[in-house]
PDB file of N, CA and C in Angstrom:
ATOM      1  N   UNK A   1      94.935 175.301  -2.024  1.00  0.00           N
ATOM      2  CA  UNK A   1      95.822 174.532  -1.183  1.00  0.00           C
ATOM      3  C   UNK A   1      95.913 173.110  -1.729  1.00  0.00           C
ATOM      4  N   UNK A   2      97.031 172.510  -1.605  1.00  0.00           N
ATOM      5  CA  UNK A   2      97.322 171.194  -2.133  1.00  0.00           C
ATOM      6  C   UNK A   2      97.716 170.294  -0.969  1.00  0.00           C
ATOM      7  N   UNK A   3      97.623 168.996  -1.114  1.00  0.00           N
ATOM      8  CA  UNK A   3      98.025 168.073  -0.050  1.00  0.00           C
ATOM      9  C   UNK A   3      99.448 168.348   0.430  1.00  0.00           C
ATOM     10  N   UNK A   4     100.293 168.817  -0.455  1.00  0.00           N
ATOM     11  CA  UNK A   4     101.691 169.074  -0.130  1.00  0.00           C
ATOM     12  C   UNK A   4     101.916 170.487   0.393  1.00  0.00           C
ATOM     13  N   UNK A   5     100.854 171.249   0.542  1.00  0.00           N
ATOM     14  CA  UNK A   5     100.975 172.634   0.982  1.00  0.00           C
ATOM     15  C   UNK A   5     100.755 173.578  -0.177  1.00  0.00           C
ATOM     16  N   UNK A   6     101.017 174.822   0.073  1.00  0.00           N
ATOM     17  CA  UNK A   6     100.835 175.832  -0.967  1.00  0.00           C
ATOM     18  C   UNK A   6     102.097 175.935  -1.811  1.00  0.00           C
ATOM     19  N   UNK A   7     101.936 176.009  -3.099  1.00  0.00           N
ATOM     20  CA  UNK A   7     103.064 176.095  -4.008  1.00  0.00           C
ATOM     21  C   UNK A   7     103.779 177.435  -3.819  1.00  0.00           C
ATOM     22  N   UNK A   8     105.099 177.425  -3.699  1.00  0.00           N
ATOM     23  CA  UNK A   8     105.849 178.666  -3.526  1.00  0.00           C
ATOM     24  C   UNK A   8     105.629 179.677  -4.651  1.00  0.00           C
ATOM     25  N   UNK A   9     105.344 179.198  -5.845  1.00  0.00           N
ATOM     26  CA  UNK A   9     105.104 180.121  -6.959  1.00  0.00           C
ATOM     27  C   UNK A   9     103.857 180.964  -6.721  1.00  0.00           C
ATOM     28  N   UNK A  10     102.925 180.433  -5.969  1.00  0.00           N
ATOM     29  CA  UNK A  10     101.672 181.143  -5.697  1.00  0.00           C
ATOM     30  C   UNK A  10     101.836 182.274  -4.696  1.00  0.00           C
ATOM     31  N   UNK A  11     102.934 182.273  -3.971  1.00  0.00           N
ATOM     32  CA  UNK A  11     103.102 183.270  -2.909  1.00  0.00           C
ATOM     33  C   UNK A  11     104.338 184.144  -3.069  1.00  0.00           C
ATOM     34  N   UNK A  12     105.157 183.879  -4.052  1.00  0.00           N
ATOM     35  CA  UNK A  12     106.425 184.605  -4.223  1.00  0.00           C
ATOM     36  C   UNK A  12     106.192 185.945  -4.910  1.00  0.00           C
ATOM     37  N   UNK A  13     106.124 187.000  -4.132  1.00  0.00           N
ATOM     38  CA  UNK A  13     105.794 188.324  -4.637  1.00  0.00           C
ATOM     39  C   UNK A  13     106.856 188.988  -5.487  1.00  0.00           C
ATOM     40  N   UNK A  14     108.108 188.557  -5.384  1.00  0.00           N
ATOM     41  CA  UNK A  14     109.185 189.196  -6.155  1.00  0.00           C
ATOM     42  C   UNK A  14     108.960 189.112  -7.662  1.00  0.00           C
ATOM     43  N   UNK A  15     108.192 188.147  -8.098  1.00  0.00           N
ATOM     44  CA  UNK A  15     107.947 187.982  -9.534  1.00  0.00           C
ATOM     45  C   UNK A  15     106.502 188.310  -9.915  1.00  0.00           C
ATOM     46  N   UNK A  16     105.830 189.040  -9.039  1.00  0.00           N
ATOM     47  CA  UNK A  16     104.449 189.430  -9.312  1.00  0.00           C
ATOM     48  C   UNK A  16     104.383 190.249 -10.599  1.00  0.00           C
ATOM     49  N   UNK A  17     103.477 189.860 -11.479  1.00  0.00           N
ATOM     50  CA  UNK A  17     103.284 190.577 -12.733  1.00  0.00           C
ATOM     51  C   UNK A  17     104.095 190.046 -13.900  1.00  0.00           C
ATOM     52  N   UNK A  18     105.083 189.204 -13.636  1.00  0.00           N
ATOM     53  CA  UNK A  18     105.881 188.641 -14.730  1.00  0.00           C
ATOM     54  C   UNK A  18     104.972 187.811 -15.620  1.00  0.00           C
ATOM     55  N   UNK A  19     105.042 188.069 -16.892  1.00  0.00           N
ATOM     56  CA  UNK A  19     104.216 187.394 -17.908  1.00  0.00           C
ATOM     57  C   UNK A  19     102.727 187.554 -17.613  1.00  0.00           C
ATOM     58  N   UNK A  20     102.362 188.625 -16.920  1.00  0.00           N
ATOM     59  CA  UNK A  20     100.965 188.897 -16.612  1.00  0.00           C
ATOM     60  C   UNK A  20     100.396 188.028 -15.512  1.00  0.00           C
ATOM     61  N   UNK A  21     101.270 187.369 -14.741  1.00  0.00           N
ATOM     62  CA  UNK A  21     100.804 186.468 -13.699  1.00  0.00           C
ATOM     63  C   UNK A  21     100.798 187.086 -12.319  1.00  0.00           C
ATOM     64  N   UNK A  22     100.163 186.379 -11.418  1.00  0.00           N
ATOM     65  CA  UNK A  22     100.112 186.800 -10.020  1.00  0.00           C
ATOM     66  C   UNK A  22     101.249 186.104  -9.271  1.00  0.00           C
ATOM     67  N   UNK A  23     101.999 186.873  -8.499  1.00  0.00           N
ATOM     68  CA  UNK A  23     103.189 186.375  -7.812  1.00  0.00           C
ATOM     69  C   UNK A  23     104.101 185.704  -8.849  1.00  0.00           C
ATOM     70  N   UNK A  24     104.526 184.476  -8.631  1.00  0.00           N
ATOM     71  CA  UNK A  24     105.407 183.827  -9.615  1.00  0.00           C
ATOM     72  C   UNK A  24     104.655 182.776 -10.424  1.00  0.00           C
ATOM     73  N   UNK A  25     103.347 182.920 -10.512  1.00  0.00           N
ATOM     74  CA  UNK A  25     102.506 181.926 -11.163  1.00  0.00           C
ATOM     75  C   UNK A  25     102.810 181.658 -12.615  1.00  0.00           C
ATOM     76  N   UNK A  26     103.339 182.654 -13.317  1.00  0.00           N
ATOM     77  CA  UNK A  26     103.689 182.446 -14.729  1.00  0.00           C
ATOM     78  C   UNK A  26     105.200 182.520 -14.936  1.00  0.00           C
ATOM     79  N   UNK A  27     105.925 182.154 -13.872  1.00  0.00           N
ATOM     80  CA  UNK A  27     107.388 182.046 -13.931  1.00  0.00           C
ATOM     81  C   UNK A  27     107.842 180.957 -12.963  1.00  0.00           C
ATOM     82  N   UNK A  28     107.014 179.952 -12.787  1.00  0.00           N
ATOM     83  CA  UNK A  28     107.240 178.918 -11.778  1.00  0.00           C
ATOM     84  C   UNK A  28     108.532 178.134 -12.000  1.00  0.00           C
ATOM     85  N   UNK A  29     109.025 178.088 -13.214  1.00  0.00           N
ATOM     86  CA  UNK A  29     110.212 177.300 -13.530  1.00  0.00           C
ATOM     87  C   UNK A  29     111.477 177.810 -12.850  1.00  0.00           C
ATOM     88  N   UNK A  30     111.479 179.024 -12.345  1.00  0.00           N
ATOM     89  CA  UNK A  30     112.668 179.532 -11.648  1.00  0.00           C
ATOM     90  C   UNK A  30     112.526 179.456 -10.127  1.00  0.00           C
ATOM     91  N   UNK A  31     111.394 178.972  -9.652  1.00  0.00           N
ATOM     92  CA  UNK A  31     111.120 178.926  -8.216  1.00  0.00           C
ATOM     93  C   UNK A  31     111.421 177.525  -7.675  1.00  0.00           C
ATOM     94  N   UNK A  32     112.273 177.452  -6.678  1.00  0.00           N
ATOM     95  CA  UNK A  32     112.603 176.167  -6.059  1.00  0.00           C
ATOM     96  C   UNK A  32     111.419 175.647  -5.252  1.00  0.00           C
ATOM     97  N   UNK A  33     111.257 174.336  -5.258  1.00  0.00           N
ATOM     98  CA  UNK A  33     110.254 173.697  -4.426  1.00  0.00           C
ATOM     99  C   UNK A  33     108.824 173.815  -4.894  1.00  0.00           C
ATOM    100  N   UNK A  34     108.629 174.109  -6.178  1.00  0.00           N
ATOM    101  CA  UNK A  34     107.258 174.206  -6.682  1.00  0.00           C
ATOM    102  C   UNK A  34     106.597 172.831  -6.685  1.00  0.00           C
ATOM    103  N   UNK A  35     105.280 172.843  -6.749  1.00  0.00           N
ATOM    104  CA  UNK A  35     104.513 171.603  -6.775  1.00  0.00           C
ATOM    105  C   UNK A  35     104.102 171.316  -8.207  1.00  0.00           C
ATOM    106  N   UNK A  36     104.597 170.244  -8.734  1.00  0.00           N
ATOM    107  CA  UNK A  36     104.314 169.904 -10.128  1.00  0.00           C
ATOM    108  C   UNK A  36     104.246 168.385 -10.250  1.00  0.00           C
ATOM    109  N   UNK A  37     103.248 167.932 -10.945  1.00  0.00           N
ATOM    110  CA  UNK A  37     103.110 166.496 -11.139  1.00  0.00           C
ATOM    111  C   UNK A  37     102.871 165.740  -9.839  1.00  0.00           C
ATOM    112  N   UNK A  38     102.276 166.417  -8.865  1.00  0.00           N
ATOM    113  CA  UNK A  38     101.967 165.765  -7.609  1.00  0.00           C
ATOM    114  C   UNK A  38     103.134 165.586  -6.661  1.00  0.00           C
ATOM    115  N   UNK A  39     104.260 166.278  -6.947  1.00  0.00           N
ATOM    116  CA  UNK A  39     105.398 166.167  -6.043  1.00  0.00           C
ATOM    117  C   UNK A  39     106.135 167.501  -5.951  1.00  0.00           C
ATOM    118  N   UNK A  40     106.894 167.627  -4.896  1.00  0.00           N
ATOM    119  CA  UNK A  40     107.677 168.846  -4.693  1.00  0.00           C
ATOM    120  C   UNK A  40     108.920 168.777  -5.567  1.00  0.00           C
ATOM    121  N   UNK A  41     109.134 169.836  -6.321  1.00  0.00           N
ATOM    122  CA  UNK A  41     110.287 169.910  -7.208  1.00  0.00           C
ATOM    123  C   UNK A  41     111.496 170.457  -6.458  1.00  0.00           C
ATOM    124  N   UNK A  42     112.660 170.312  -7.033  1.00  0.00           N
ATOM    125  CA  UNK A  42     113.893 170.749  -6.391  1.00  0.00           C
ATOM    126  C   UNK A  42     114.282 172.165  -6.758  1.00  0.00           C
ATOM    127  N   UNK A  43     115.565 172.403  -6.761  1.00  0.00           N
ATOM    128  CA  UNK A  43     116.122 173.709  -7.088  1.00  0.00           C
ATOM    129  C   UNK A  43     115.974 173.983  -8.577  1.00  0.00           C
ATOM    130  N   UNK A  44     116.183 175.228  -8.948  1.00  0.00           N
ATOM    131  CA  UNK A  44     116.135 175.607 -10.357  1.00  0.00           C
ATOM    132  C   UNK A  44     117.069 174.729 -11.177  1.00  0.00           C
ATOM    133  N   UNK A  45     118.295 174.571 -10.721  1.00  0.00           N
ATOM    134  CA  UNK A  45     119.297 173.802 -11.470  1.00  0.00           C
ATOM    135  C   UNK A  45     118.860 172.356 -11.697  1.00  0.00           C
ATOM    136  N   UNK A  46     118.161 171.795 -10.750  1.00  0.00           N
ATOM    137  CA  UNK A  46     117.726 170.397 -10.870  1.00  0.00           C
ATOM    138  C   UNK A  46     116.456 170.227 -11.699  1.00  0.00           C
ATOM    139  N   UNK A  47     115.619 171.238 -11.733  1.00  0.00           N
ATOM    140  CA  UNK A  47     114.318 171.053 -12.380  1.00  0.00           C
ATOM    141  C   UNK A  47     114.172 171.717 -13.742  1.00  0.00           C
ATOM    142  N   UNK A  48     115.049 172.650 -14.085  1.00  0.00           N
ATOM    143  CA  UNK A  48     114.834 173.469 -15.279  1.00  0.00           C
ATOM    144  C   UNK A  48     114.753 172.655 -16.566  1.00  0.00           C
ATOM    145  N   UNK A  49     115.543 171.613 -16.697  1.00  0.00           N
ATOM    146  CA  UNK A  49     115.465 170.800 -17.920  1.00  0.00           C
ATOM    147  C   UNK A  49     114.068 170.202 -18.084  1.00  0.00           C
ATOM    148  N   UNK A  50     113.464 169.765 -16.985  1.00  0.00           N
ATOM    149  CA  UNK A  50     112.090 169.249 -17.043  1.00  0.00           C
ATOM    150  C   UNK A  50     111.100 170.367 -17.361  1.00  0.00           C
ATOM    151  N   UNK A  51     111.329 171.530 -16.771  1.00  0.00           N
ATOM    152  CA  UNK A  51     110.420 172.665 -16.986  1.00  0.00           C
ATOM    153  C   UNK A  51     110.404 173.107 -18.453  1.00  0.00           C
ATOM    154  N   UNK A  52     111.545 173.049 -19.101  1.00  0.00           N
ATOM    155  CA  UNK A  52     111.624 173.498 -20.495  1.00  0.00           C
ATOM    156  C   UNK A  52     110.777 172.662 -21.443  1.00  0.00           C
ATOM    157  N   UNK A  53     110.419 171.459 -21.043  1.00  0.00           N
ATOM    158  CA  UNK A  53     109.568 170.618 -21.885  1.00  0.00           C
ATOM    159  C   UNK A  53     108.129 170.555 -21.363  1.00  0.00           C
ATOM    160  N   UNK A  54     107.851 171.311 -20.313  1.00  0.00           N
ATOM    161  CA  UNK A  54     106.517 171.365 -19.723  1.00  0.00           C
ATOM    162  C   UNK A  54     105.553 172.135 -20.641  1.00  0.00           C
ATOM    163  N   UNK A  55     104.342 171.641 -20.771  1.00  0.00           N
ATOM    164  CA  UNK A  55     103.343 172.302 -21.616  1.00  0.00           C
ATOM    165  C   UNK A  55     103.045 173.721 -21.142  1.00  0.00           C
ATOM    166  N   UNK A  56     103.000 173.934 -19.831  1.00  0.00           N
ATOM    167  CA  UNK A  56     102.720 175.272 -19.305  1.00  0.00           C
ATOM    168  C   UNK A  56     103.845 176.242 -19.663  1.00  0.00           C
ATOM    169  N   UNK A  57     105.078 175.835 -19.492  1.00  0.00           N
ATOM    170  CA  UNK A  57     106.233 176.663 -19.866  1.00  0.00           C
ATOM    171  C   UNK A  57     106.142 177.043 -21.345  1.00  0.00           C
ATOM    172  N   UNK A  58     105.891 176.065 -22.183  1.00  0.00           N
ATOM    173  CA  UNK A  58     105.787 176.309 -23.628  1.00  0.00           C
ATOM    174  C   UNK A  58     104.631 177.261 -23.950  1.00  0.00           C
ATOM    175  N   UNK A  59     103.518 177.115 -23.221  1.00  0.00           N
ATOM    176  CA  UNK A  59     102.364 177.988 -23.427  1.00  0.00           C
ATOM    177  C   UNK A  59     102.715 179.434 -23.098  1.00  0.00           C
ATOM    178  N   UNK A  60     103.343 179.641 -21.946  1.00  0.00           N
ATOM    179  CA  UNK A  60     103.729 181.003 -21.544  1.00  0.00           C
ATOM    180  C   UNK A  60     104.706 181.578 -22.559  1.00  0.00           C
ATOM    181  N   UNK A  61     105.676 180.800 -22.952  1.00  0.00           N
ATOM    182  CA  UNK A  61     106.678 181.252 -23.930  1.00  0.00           C
ATOM    183  C   UNK A  61     106.005 181.652 -25.243  1.00  0.00           C
ATOM    184  N   UNK A  62     105.066 180.858 -25.696  1.00  0.00           N
ATOM    185  CA  UNK A  62     104.354 181.147 -26.947  1.00  0.00           C
ATOM    186  C   UNK A  62     103.496 182.401 -26.815  1.00  0.00           C
ATOM    187  N   UNK A  63     102.768 182.525 -25.706  1.00  0.00           N
ATOM    188  CA  UNK A  63     101.899 183.682 -25.495  1.00  0.00           C
ATOM    189  C   UNK A  63     102.697 184.986 -25.374  1.00  0.00           C
ATOM    190  N   UNK A  64     103.823 184.910 -24.716  1.00  0.00           N
ATOM    191  CA  UNK A  64     104.616 186.115 -24.468  1.00  0.00           C
ATOM    192  C   UNK A  64     105.501 186.516 -25.650  1.00  0.00           C
ATOM    193  N   UNK A  65     105.879 185.555 -26.444  1.00  0.00           N
ATOM    194  CA  UNK A  65     106.752 185.785 -27.612  1.00  0.00           C
ATOM    195  C   UNK A  65     107.929 186.683 -27.281  1.00  0.00           C
ATOM    196  N   UNK A  66     107.965 187.865 -27.835  1.00  0.00           N
ATOM    197  CA  UNK A  66     109.099 188.784 -27.653  1.00  0.00           C
ATOM    198  C   UNK A  66     109.160 189.360 -26.233  1.00  0.00           C
ATOM    199  N   UNK A  67     108.095 189.252 -25.470  1.00  0.00           N
ATOM    200  CA  UNK A  67     108.073 189.767 -24.099  1.00  0.00           C
ATOM    201  C   UNK A  67     108.426 188.696 -23.069  1.00  0.00           C
ATOM    202  N   UNK A  68     108.771 187.514 -23.538  1.00  0.00           N
ATOM    203  CA  UNK A  68     109.122 186.432 -22.628  1.00  0.00           C
ATOM    204  C   UNK A  68     110.387 186.808 -21.863  1.00  0.00           C
ATOM    205  N   UNK A  69     110.323 186.721 -20.534  1.00  0.00           N
ATOM    206  CA  UNK A  69     111.459 187.062 -19.683  1.00  0.00           C
ATOM    207  C   UNK A  69     112.241 185.782 -19.409  1.00  0.00           C
ATOM    208  N   UNK A  70     113.499 185.790 -19.805  1.00  0.00           N
ATOM    209  CA  UNK A  70     114.326 184.591 -19.679  1.00  0.00           C
ATOM    210  C   UNK A  70     114.700 184.300 -18.234  1.00  0.00           C
ATOM    211  N   UNK A  71     114.999 183.031 -17.977  1.00  0.00           N
ATOM    212  CA  UNK A  71     115.288 182.557 -16.623  1.00  0.00           C
ATOM    213  C   UNK A  71     116.419 183.338 -15.965  1.00  0.00           C
ATOM    214  N   UNK A  72     117.443 183.716 -16.708  1.00  0.00           N
ATOM    215  CA  UNK A  72     118.561 184.439 -16.097  1.00  0.00           C
ATOM    216  C   UNK A  72     118.107 185.771 -15.506  1.00  0.00           C
ATOM    217  N   UNK A  73     117.206 186.448 -16.184  1.00  0.00           N
ATOM    218  CA  UNK A  73     116.662 187.719 -15.689  1.00  0.00           C
ATOM    219  C   UNK A  73     115.796 187.473 -14.463  1.00  0.00           C
ATOM    220  N   UNK A  74     114.957 186.449 -14.536  1.00  0.00           N
ATOM    221  CA  UNK A  74     114.069 186.132 -13.420  1.00  0.00           C
ATOM    222  C   UNK A  74     114.862 185.728 -12.176  1.00  0.00           C
ATOM    223  N   UNK A  75     115.911 184.944 -12.367  1.00  0.00           N
ATOM    224  CA  UNK A  75     116.753 184.544 -11.233  1.00  0.00           C
ATOM    225  C   UNK A  75     117.429 185.759 -10.606  1.00  0.00           C
ATOM    226  N   UNK A  76     117.818 186.711 -11.438  1.00  0.00           N
ATOM    227  CA  UNK A  76     118.395 187.945 -10.920  1.00  0.00           C
ATOM    228  C   UNK A  76     117.412 188.695 -10.041  1.00  0.00           C
ATOM    229  N   UNK A  77     116.166 188.727 -10.458  1.00  0.00           N
ATOM    230  CA  UNK A  77     115.125 189.386  -9.642  1.00  0.00           C
ATOM    231  C   UNK A  77     114.914 188.660  -8.322  1.00  0.00           C
ATOM    232  N   UNK A  78     114.944 187.343  -8.378  1.00  0.00           N
ATOM    233  CA  UNK A  78     114.753 186.549  -7.159  1.00  0.00           C
ATOM    234  C   UNK A  78     115.884 186.782  -6.154  1.00  0.00           C
ATOM    235  N   UNK A  79     117.078 186.923  -6.677  1.00  0.00           N
ATOM    236  CA  UNK A  79     118.258 187.044  -5.815  1.00  0.00           C
ATOM    237  C   UNK A  79     118.596 188.464  -5.419  1.00  0.00           C
ATOM    238  N   UNK A  80     117.889 189.435  -5.950  1.00  0.00           N
ATOM    239  CA  UNK A  80     118.177 190.828  -5.613  1.00  0.00           C
ATOM    240  C   UNK A  80     117.479 191.206  -4.310  1.00  0.00           C
ATOM    241  N   UNK A  81     118.086 192.122  -3.561  1.00  0.00           N
ATOM    242  CA  UNK A  81     117.405 192.582  -2.346  1.00  0.00           C
ATOM    243  C   UNK A  81     116.160 193.368  -2.733  1.00  0.00           C
ATOM    244  N   UNK A  82     115.161 193.299  -1.907  1.00  0.00           N
ATOM    245  CA  UNK A  82     113.918 194.006  -2.202  1.00  0.00           C
ATOM    246  C   UNK A  82     114.109 195.426  -1.944  1.00  0.00           C
TER     247      UNK A  82
END
């Protein structure tokens, strides 16, 4: 738990297992309202440029290589009915 509450990436089950993570933990860049840098982030459209230069994003991308799931696919999963 964080002073700002629980990060939505930690509880978003629709992306569970993506990049080997729990919930959306390894796909946080597509989740609105995540907690990063001590503040609540905005929508995907507002935050993605910052996320692309984030060390964690780069780490996941490097580790996953050819298995890296692009944001467009992840957003489709988020917006699809369960």
